[in-house]
Structures are given as C-alpha cells and as structure tokens.
C-alpha atoms as a PDB file:
ATOM      1  CA  UNK A   1     -13.980  25.467   7.227  1.00  0.00           C
ATOM      2  CA  UNK A   2     -11.059  23.540   9.161  1.00  0.00           C
ATOM      3  CA  UNK A   3      -9.026  20.912   7.865  1.00  0.00           C
ATOM      4  CA  UNK A   4     -10.079  17.329   9.025  1.00  0.00           C
ATOM      5  CA  UNK A   5      -8.395  13.975   8.860  1.00  0.00           C
ATOM      6  CA  UNK A   6      -9.807  11.408   7.017  1.00  0.00           C
ATOM      7  CA  UNK A   7      -8.547   7.169   7.735  1.00  0.00           C
ATOM      8  CA  UNK A   8      -7.544   5.250   4.687  1.00  0.00           C
ATOM      9  CA  UNK A   9      -6.287   2.267   6.280  1.00  0.00           C
ATOM     10  CA  UNK A  10      -8.728  -0.636   6.836  1.00  0.00           C
ATOM     11  CA  UNK A  11      -8.775  -2.231  10.536  1.00  0.00           C
ATOM     12  CA  UNK A  12      -7.176  -5.556  11.643  1.00  0.00           C
ATOM     13  CA  UNK A  13      -9.271  -7.908  12.495  1.00  0.00           C
ATOM     14  CA  UNK A  14      -9.751 -11.600  12.315  1.00  0.00           C
ATOM     15  CA  UNK A  15     -11.080 -12.908   8.971  1.00  0.00           C
ATOM     16  CA  UNK A  16      -9.864 -10.255   7.246  1.00  0.00           C
ATOM     17  CA  UNK A  17      -8.877  -9.869   3.442  1.00  0.00           C
ATOM     18  CA  UNK A  18      -5.573 -11.599   2.409  1.00  0.00           C
ATOM     19  CA  UNK A  19      -3.963 -12.192  -0.500  1.00  0.00           C
ATOM     20  CA  UNK A  20      -4.037 -15.613  -1.660  1.00  0.00           C
ATOM     21  CA  UNK A  21      -2.575 -18.100   0.227  1.00  0.00           C
ATOM     22  CA  UNK A  22      -1.472 -15.884   2.881  1.00  0.00           C
ATOM     23  CA  UNK A  23      -1.764 -17.160   6.724  1.00  0.00           C
ATOM     24  CA  UNK A  24      -4.915 -15.454   8.317  1.00  0.00           C
ATOM     25  CA  UNK A  25      -4.983 -12.792  10.988  1.00  0.00           C
ATOM     26  CA  UNK A  26      -5.730 -14.651  14.314  1.00  0.00           C
ATOM     27  CA  UNK A  27      -5.728 -12.960  17.690  1.00  0.00           C
ATOM     28  CA  UNK A  28      -4.885 -15.081  20.779  1.00  0.00           C
ATOM     29  CA  UNK A  29      -6.458 -14.587  24.204  1.00  0.00           C
ATOM     30  CA  UNK A  30      -3.675 -14.314  26.859  1.00  0.00           C
ATOM     31  CA  UNK A  31      -5.589 -12.475  29.795  1.00  0.00           C
ATOM     32  CA  UNK A  32      -9.193 -11.328  30.353  1.00  0.00           C
ATOM     33  CA  UNK A  33     -10.636  -9.404  33.136  1.00  0.00           C
ATOM     34  CA  UNK A  34     -13.903 -11.716  33.034  1.00  0.00           C
ATOM     35  CA  UNK A  35     -11.729 -14.435  33.605  1.00  0.00           C
ATOM     36  CA  UNK A  36     -10.255 -13.483  36.898  1.00  0.00           C
ATOM     37  CA  UNK A  37      -6.683 -11.678  35.175  1.00  0.00           C
ATOM     38  CA  UNK A  38      -5.982  -8.105  36.538  1.00  0.00           C
ATOM     39  CA  UNK A  39      -5.840  -7.029  32.899  1.00  0.00           C
ATOM     40  CA  UNK A  40      -6.690  -7.543  29.070  1.00  0.00           C
ATOM     41  CA  UNK A  41      -4.095  -8.784  26.840  1.00  0.00           C
ATOM     42  CA  UNK A  42      -3.917 -10.389  23.092  1.00  0.00           C
ATOM     43  CA  UNK A  43      -1.187 -12.181  20.941  1.00  0.00           C
ATOM     44  CA  UNK A  44      -1.518 -10.990  17.731  1.00  0.00           C
ATOM     45  CA  UNK A  45      -0.888 -13.365  14.475  1.00  0.00           C
ATOM     46  CA  UNK A  46      -0.804 -11.233  11.730  1.00  0.00           C
ATOM     47  CA  UNK A  47       1.092 -11.500   7.918  1.00  0.00           C
ATOM     48  CA  UNK A  48       3.425  -8.800   7.036  1.00  0.00           C
ATOM     49  CA  UNK A  49       1.828  -8.142   4.142  1.00  0.00           C
ATOM     50  CA  UNK A  50      -2.105  -8.187   4.738  1.00  0.00           C
ATOM     51  CA  UNK A  51      -4.379  -5.711   5.048  1.00  0.00           C
ATOM     52  CA  UNK A  52      -3.010  -2.018   4.797  1.00  0.00           C
ATOM     53  CA  UNK A  53       0.264  -2.384   4.720  1.00  0.00           C
ATOM     54  CA  UNK A  54       3.674  -1.088   3.206  1.00  0.00           C
ATOM     55  CA  UNK A  55       6.010  -3.287   1.138  1.00  0.00           C
ATOM     56  CA  UNK A  56      10.132  -1.977   2.385  1.00  0.00           C
ATOM     57  CA  UNK A  57      12.620  -2.497  -0.266  1.00  0.00           C
ATOM     58  CA  UNK A  58      13.873  -5.550   1.584  1.00  0.00           C
ATOM     59  CA  UNK A  59      10.778  -7.281   0.325  1.00  0.00           C
ATOM     60  CA  UNK A  60      12.308  -7.473  -3.168  1.00  0.00           C
ATOM     61  CA  UNK A  61      15.552  -6.704  -2.645  1.00  0.00           C
ATOM     62  CA  UNK A  62      18.165  -8.842  -0.203  1.00  0.00           C
ATOM     63  CA  UNK A  63      20.375  -5.848   0.522  1.00  0.00           C
ATOM     64  CA  UNK A  64      17.473  -3.002   0.547  1.00  0.00           C
ATOM     65  CA  UNK A  65      15.999  -1.006   3.499  1.00  0.00           C
ATOM     66  CA  UNK A  66      14.141  -3.392   5.887  1.00  0.00           C
ATOM     67  CA  UNK A  67      11.020  -1.762   7.610  1.00  0.00           C
ATOM     68  CA  UNK A  68      13.024   0.089   9.961  1.00  0.00           C
ATOM     69  CA  UNK A  69      15.398   1.539   7.844  1.00  0.00           C
ATOM     70  CA  UNK A  70      13.367   3.511   5.827  1.00  0.00           C
ATOM     71  CA  UNK A  71      13.914   7.205   6.112  1.00  0.00           C
ATOM     72  CA  UNK A  72      11.053   8.738   8.239  1.00  0.00           C
ATOM     73  CA  UNK A  73      10.074  11.178   5.329  1.00  0.00           C
ATOM     74  CA  UNK A  74       8.820   8.270   3.450  1.00  0.00           C
ATOM     75  CA  UNK A  75       6.119   8.126   5.676  1.00  0.00           C
ATOM     76  CA  UNK A  76       4.933  12.153   5.088  1.00  0.00           C
ATOM     77  CA  UNK A  77       3.887  13.361   2.419  1.00  0.00           C
ATOM     78  CA  UNK A  78       3.173  17.046   1.548  1.00  0.00           C
ATOM     79  CA  UNK A  79       2.376  16.560  -2.110  1.00  0.00           C
ATOM     80  CA  UNK A  80       0.276  13.970  -2.754  1.00  0.00           C
ATOM     81  CA  UNK A  81      -1.027  13.458  -6.031  1.00  0.00           C
ATOM     82  CA  UNK A  82      -4.168  11.161  -6.804  1.00  0.00           C
ATOM     83  CA  UNK A  83      -4.763   9.048  -9.977  1.00  0.00           C
ATOM     84  CA  UNK A  84      -7.883   8.573 -10.591  1.00  0.00           C
ATOM     85  CA  UNK A  85      -8.697   5.658 -13.199  1.00  0.00           C
ATOM     86  CA  UNK A  86     -11.387   3.325 -12.878  1.00  0.00           C
ATOM     87  CA  UNK A  87      -9.974  -0.429 -13.498  1.00  0.00           C
ATOM     88  CA  UNK A  88     -11.705  -3.489 -14.816  1.00  0.00           C
ATOM     89  CA  UNK A  89     -10.603  -6.730 -12.958  1.00  0.00           C
ATOM     90  CA  UNK A  90      -6.795  -7.410 -14.034  1.00  0.00           C
ATOM     91  CA  UNK A  91      -6.335  -4.105 -15.978  1.00  0.00           C
ATOM     92  CA  UNK A  92      -3.115  -2.436 -15.429  1.00  0.00           C
ATOM     93  CA  UNK A  93      -2.142   1.401 -14.751  1.00  0.00           C
ATOM     94  CA  UNK A  94      -0.197   2.422 -17.473  1.00  0.00           C
ATOM     95  CA  UNK A  95       1.878   5.659 -18.775  1.00  0.00           C
ATOM     96  CA  UNK A  96      -1.260   6.585 -20.702  1.00  0.00           C
ATOM     97  CA  UNK A  97      -3.109   7.274 -17.332  1.00  0.00           C
ATOM     98  CA  UNK A  98      -0.710   9.786 -16.110  1.00  0.00           C
ATOM     99  CA  UNK A  99      -1.740  11.992 -19.086  1.00  0.00           C
ATOM    100  CA  UNK A 100      -2.875  14.960 -17.134  1.00  0.00           C
ATOM    101  CA  UNK A 101      -1.784  14.331 -14.264  1.00  0.00           C
ATOM    102  CA  UNK A 102       0.696  17.100 -13.025  1.00  0.00           C
ATOM    103  CA  UNK A 103       3.796  15.415 -11.477  1.00  0.00           C
ATOM    104  CA  UNK A 104       5.595  18.531 -10.494  1.00  0.00           C
ATOM    105  CA  UNK A 105       7.033  17.812  -6.976  1.00  0.00           C
ATOM    106  CA  UNK A 106       4.916  14.719  -6.304  1.00  0.00           C
ATOM    107  CA  UNK A 107       6.177  12.422  -3.259  1.00  0.00           C
ATOM    108  CA  UNK A 108       3.165  10.175  -3.707  1.00  0.00           C
ATOM    109  CA  UNK A 109       0.994   9.099  -6.154  1.00  0.00           C
ATOM    110  CA  UNK A 110      -2.357   7.614  -4.823  1.00  0.00           C
ATOM    111  CA  UNK A 111      -3.593   5.225  -7.925  1.00  0.00           C
ATOM    112  CA  UNK A 112      -7.631   4.855  -7.480  1.00  0.00           C
ATOM    113  CA  UNK A 113      -9.096   2.114  -9.192  1.00  0.00           C
ATOM    114  CA  UNK A 114     -12.583   2.275  -7.630  1.00  0.00           C
ATOM    115  CA  UNK A 115     -11.679  -1.139  -6.970  1.00  0.00           C
ATOM    116  CA  UNK A 116     -12.339  -1.356  -3.279  1.00  0.00           C
ATOM    117  CA  UNK A 117     -15.996  -1.520  -4.110  1.00  0.00           C
ATOM    118  CA  UNK A 118     -15.189  -4.981  -4.750  1.00  0.00           C
ATOM    119  CA  UNK A 119     -14.188  -5.937  -1.112  1.00  0.00           C
ATOM    120  CA  UNK A 120     -17.579  -6.216   0.178  1.00  0.00           C
ATOM    121  CA  UNK A 121     -19.613  -6.589  -2.859  1.00  0.00           C
ATOM    122  CA  UNK A 122     -17.404  -9.521  -4.446  1.00  0.00           C
ATOM    123  CA  UNK A 123     -14.384 -10.422  -2.400  1.00  0.00           C
ATOM    124  CA  UNK A 124     -13.516 -13.274  -4.871  1.00  0.00           C
ATOM    125  CA  UNK A 125     -13.188 -10.653  -7.097  1.00  0.00           C
ATOM    126  CA  UNK A 126     -10.859  -8.214  -4.909  1.00  0.00           C
ATOM    127  CA  UNK A 127      -8.714 -10.912  -3.687  1.00  0.00           C
ATOM    128  CA  UNK A 128      -8.491 -12.477  -7.157  1.00  0.00           C
ATOM    129  CA  UNK A 129      -8.616 -10.584  -9.905  1.00  0.00           C
ATOM    130  CA  UNK A 130      -7.032  -6.943  -8.732  1.00  0.00           C
ATOM    131  CA  UNK A 131      -5.437  -4.851 -10.948  1.00  0.00           C
ATOM    132  CA  UNK A 132      -1.810  -3.481 -11.067  1.00  0.00           C
ATOM    133  CA  UNK A 133       0.752  -1.360 -12.349  1.00  0.00           C
ATOM    134  CA  UNK A 134       2.474  -1.950 -15.764  1.00  0.00           C
ATOM    135  CA  UNK A 135       6.105  -2.578 -15.549  1.00  0.00           C
ATOM    136  CA  UNK A 136       7.048   0.415 -17.746  1.00  0.00           C
ATOM    137  CA  UNK A 137       5.077   2.405 -15.419  1.00  0.00           C
ATOM    138  CA  UNK A 138       7.142   1.368 -12.732  1.00  0.00           C
ATOM    139  CA  UNK A 139      10.106   2.125 -14.515  1.00  0.00           C
ATOM    140  CA  UNK A 140       9.064   5.590 -15.555  1.00  0.00           C
ATOM    141  CA  UNK A 141       8.278   6.484 -12.071  1.00  0.00           C
ATOM    142  CA  UNK A 142      11.533   5.024 -10.581  1.00  0.00           C
ATOM    143  CA  UNK A 143      13.358   6.550 -13.307  1.00  0.00           C
ATOM    144  CA  UNK A 144      11.823   9.801 -14.321  1.00  0.00           C
ATOM    145  CA  UNK A 145      10.166  11.590 -11.377  1.00  0.00           C
ATOM    146  CA  UNK A 146      12.888  12.227  -8.813  1.00  0.00           C
ATOM    147  CA  UNK A 147      10.764  13.906  -6.400  1.00  0.00           C
ATOM    148  CA  UNK A 148       8.571  10.591  -6.126  1.00  0.00           C
ATOM    149  CA  UNK A 149       8.985   8.518  -2.850  1.00  0.00           C
ATOM    150  CA  UNK A 150       5.463   6.059  -2.666  1.00  0.00           C
ATOM    151  CA  UNK A 151       2.924   4.972  -4.646  1.00  0.00           C
ATOM    152  CA  UNK A 152      -0.225   3.898  -2.896  1.00  0.00           C
ATOM    153  CA  UNK A 153      -2.876   1.664  -4.440  1.00  0.00           C
ATOM    154  CA  UNK A 154      -6.628   0.416  -3.710  1.00  0.00           C
ATOM    155  CA  UNK A 155      -6.008  -3.167  -4.329  1.00  0.00           C
ATOM    156  CA  UNK A 156      -3.959  -5.713  -2.766  1.00  0.00           C
ATOM    157  CA  UNK A 157      -0.852  -5.802  -4.603  1.00  0.00           C
ATOM    158  CA  UNK A 158       1.449  -3.679  -7.771  1.00  0.00           C
ATOM    159  CA  UNK A 159       1.455  -6.817  -9.505  1.00  0.00           C
ATOM    160  CA  UNK A 160      -1.472  -8.864 -10.638  1.00  0.00           C
ATOM    161  CA  UNK A 161      -1.496 -12.143  -9.319  1.00  0.00           C
ATOM    162  CA  UNK A 162      -1.111 -14.346 -12.476  1.00  0.00           C
ATOM    163  CA  UNK A 163       0.917 -11.982 -14.749  1.00  0.00           C
ATOM    164  CA  UNK A 164       2.802 -11.055 -11.663  1.00  0.00           C
ATOM    165  CA  UNK A 165       3.992 -14.849 -10.983  1.00  0.00           C
ATOM    166  CA  UNK A 166       4.501 -15.755 -14.349  1.00  0.00           C
ATOM    167  CA  UNK A 167       6.952 -12.440 -14.853  1.00  0.00           C
ATOM    168  CA  UNK A 168       8.561 -12.410 -11.955  1.00  0.00           C
ATOM    169  CA  UNK A 169       6.694  -9.156 -10.235  1.00  0.00           C
ATOM    170  CA  UNK A 170       8.103  -6.806 -12.243  1.00  0.00           C
ATOM    171  CA  UNK A 171       6.643  -3.448 -10.710  1.00  0.00           C
ATOM    172  CA  UNK A 172       7.528  -4.391  -7.369  1.00  0.00           C
ATOM    173  CA  UNK A 173      11.163  -4.884  -8.418  1.00  0.00           C
ATOM    174  CA  UNK A 174      11.152  -1.772 -10.568  1.00  0.00           C
ATOM    175  CA  UNK A 175       9.777   0.250  -7.644  1.00  0.00           C
ATOM    176  CA  UNK A 176      12.019  -1.638  -4.918  1.00  0.00           C
ATOM    177  CA  UNK A 177      15.162  -3.542  -6.259  1.00  0.00           C
ATOM    178  CA  UNK A 178      18.632  -1.978  -6.600  1.00  0.00           C
ATOM    179  CA  UNK A 179      19.032  -4.675  -9.630  1.00  0.00           C
ATOM    180  CA  UNK A 180      16.623  -3.171 -11.846  1.00  0.00           C
ATOM    181  CA  UNK A 181      17.701   0.816 -10.297  1.00  0.00           C
ATOM    182  CA  UNK A 182      20.168   2.610  -8.515  1.00  0.00           C
ATOM    183  CA  UNK A 183      17.775   5.195  -7.855  1.00  0.00           C
ATOM    184  CA  UNK A 184      16.431   5.655  -4.986  1.00  0.00           C
ATOM    185  CA  UNK A 185      13.579   3.285  -3.978  1.00  0.00           C
ATOM    186  CA  UNK A 186       9.781   4.022  -4.303  1.00  0.00           C
ATOM    187  CA  UNK A 187       8.146   2.311  -1.589  1.00  0.00           C
ATOM    188  CA  UNK A 188       4.391   0.458  -1.793  1.00  0.00           C
ATOM    189  CA  UNK A 189       1.556   0.844  -0.142  1.00  0.00           C
ATOM    190  CA  UNK A 190      -1.410  -1.629  -0.570  1.00  0.00           C
ATOM    191  CA  UNK A 191      -4.830  -2.516   0.486  1.00  0.00           C
ATOM    192  CA  UNK A 192      -5.289   1.158   1.296  1.00  0.00           C
ATOM    193  CA  UNK A 193      -9.083   2.672   1.223  1.00  0.00           C
ATOM    194  CA  UNK A 194      -8.807   6.051  -1.137  1.00  0.00           C
ATOM    195  CA  UNK A 195     -12.613   6.271  -1.736  1.00  0.00           C
ATOM    196  CA  UNK A 196     -13.155   9.048   1.137  1.00  0.00           C
ATOM    197  CA  UNK A 197     -10.977  11.002  -0.670  1.00  0.00           C
ATOM    198  CA  UNK A 198     -12.106  11.172  -3.937  1.00  0.00           C
ATOM    199  CA  UNK A 199     -13.119  14.675  -5.050  1.00  0.00           C
ATOM    200  CA  UNK A 200     -11.344  16.092  -2.376  1.00  0.00           C
ATOM    201  CA  UNK A 201      -8.432  18.634  -1.650  1.00  0.00           C
ATOM    202  CA  UNK A 202      -5.352  16.542  -0.341  1.00  0.00           C
ATOM    203  CA  UNK A 203      -3.027  18.688   1.890  1.00  0.00           C
ATOM    204  CA  UNK A 204      -1.034  16.022   3.307  1.00  0.00           C
ATOM    205  CA  UNK A 205      -0.872  11.891   3.709  1.00  0.00           C
ATOM    206  CA  UNK A 206       0.514  10.798   6.973  1.00  0.00           C
ATOM    207  CA  UNK A 207       1.350   6.679   6.716  1.00  0.00           C
ATOM    208  CA  UNK A 208       3.106   4.946   9.406  1.00  0.00           C
ATOM    209  CA  UNK A 209       3.996   1.569  10.052  1.00  0.00           C
ATOM    210  CA  UNK A 210       4.688  -0.503  13.200  1.00  0.00           C
ATOM    211  CA  UNK A 211       8.560  -0.206  13.004  1.00  0.00           C
ATOM    212  CA  UNK A 212       9.295  -3.854  13.035  1.00  0.00           C
ATOM    213  CA  UNK A 213      12.820  -4.431  12.765  1.00  0.00           C
ATOM    214  CA  UNK A 214      14.583  -6.152   9.932  1.00  0.00           C
ATOM    215  CA  UNK A 215      11.186  -7.306   8.410  1.00  0.00           C
ATOM    216  CA  UNK A 216      10.384  -6.685   4.967  1.00  0.00           C
ATOM    217  CA  UNK A 217       6.884  -4.972   5.769  1.00  0.00           C
ATOM    218  CA  UNK A 218       4.123  -4.220   7.799  1.00  0.00           C
ATOM    219  CA  UNK A 219       0.586  -2.782   8.532  1.00  0.00           C
ATOM    220  CA  UNK A 220       0.352   0.985   8.697  1.00  0.00           C
ATOM    221  CA  UNK A 221      -2.158   3.792   9.503  1.00  0.00           C
ATOM    222  CA  UNK A 222      -2.800   5.975   7.328  1.00  0.00           C
ATOM    223  CA  UNK A 223      -4.583   9.535   7.267  1.00  0.00           C
ATOM    224  CA  UNK A 224      -4.898  11.957   4.834  1.00  0.00           C
ATOM    225  CA  UNK A 225      -5.571  15.427   6.048  1.00  0.00           C
ATOM    226  CA  UNK A 226      -7.705  17.494   3.692  1.00  0.00           C
ATOM    227  CA  UNK A 227      -9.264  21.053   3.229  1.00  0.00           C
END
C-alpha cells in the first residue's frame, strides 16, 4: 500500500469557530465575473489566531521570533508522536499523560483529546470549555525534551479560557517566552483536526503557515503522511 497524505487543518470560511471575543472571518467581494469584471477577486479579513493556526514566539514574547523568522525545520516533522488521551471539558494534559509515550527523538507532540467532536455536536462547549496544557507539562517539554520543536492541539488554545486568563497564560509562556526559559521555543499549533490519524502510523507531518512578515501567528495548512 502506498503512503498517503491526510489534511488535518480546517478550511477557512466565514462564520467559522473563533476563540471567544475574537473578530469573525469575513470575505469581501472585490471583483466578480458575473458582475462584468474580468476576474474573481476577494479581500480576506481573518484574525491571526482563528482556525488551524500557529502561535509564533512573538505571540507571548516581545523579542521572540515573528512568523516569518521561525526556521523552516519548525514546520516539517520527521518524528511526530501522538499523545492520545480523552479529556473532559477544561481538563488539562499533565505529565501523567506522557507515561508510556516514547519521546526519544520526538520533534512534534500531537495532543489528541477527542474534543474535536464538540466542534459539530456542541460548538459552545468546544469554544468555551476546551482543555489545556498544564504549566508543569509545558515546562517539562521546553526544558527536558531537547528534540521537540512544536506541539499540536485538537482544541482552541494551550491554556483553558478561565484559568489561562487568571494565571497569565502559563502554558503559552513556558513554551514561547524567553523570560520563562532560555532554551529554544516550542511553537504551538492550535485547532487541528487529529481524528483522521488516530490508529494510523504517522511518518511525517508538514504544517506550513502563510509567512506574514512581523506577525504573531497565522493560518496553517497541516498535512500528515501516513502508511
């Protein structure tokens, strides 16, 4: 059987799921052939952290890499590892979830909570009650897993909405900020559809953003090569 690629990013569309209070995506018609124009063209209004996207270090570090400064190897992963643990609303991934997971050489950890089912079944739960990454786990990944370059989440944000705001978004800062660690940053891919790769052997993951210069993050197309 030949290897194949599976798309893990959600299409960008109007009225798509957003983090609470973030502005909606909007497509503004500029030219249309049916209106007598020579071509179809569109203005895209899209928040940098809506849909399947990457958090650049600059998102939580004033002198961290911007989106265009992230080295290309941060977007191509030859040793992806999935952490498959069902999570309840607002439940954190912790160090306990890494038991039995071989981190040797891992360059990408894909945290599959099963929460993506709420995207259709219960959008309010998906939008407001998503899980997160514990500060202790984020610190461990940054400090103790030297091969790791990124994590990938099947929910909206690395920090739950309530505790994140209350505690100053510690998972984000442990992974991205120079103030929390002088070791290489770990970038964060959020709102990724990991369901198609459950029980599949993943050979490689490619997650390429649009390289907006000077920005804190942006939309990403994620492809997994599987056997």
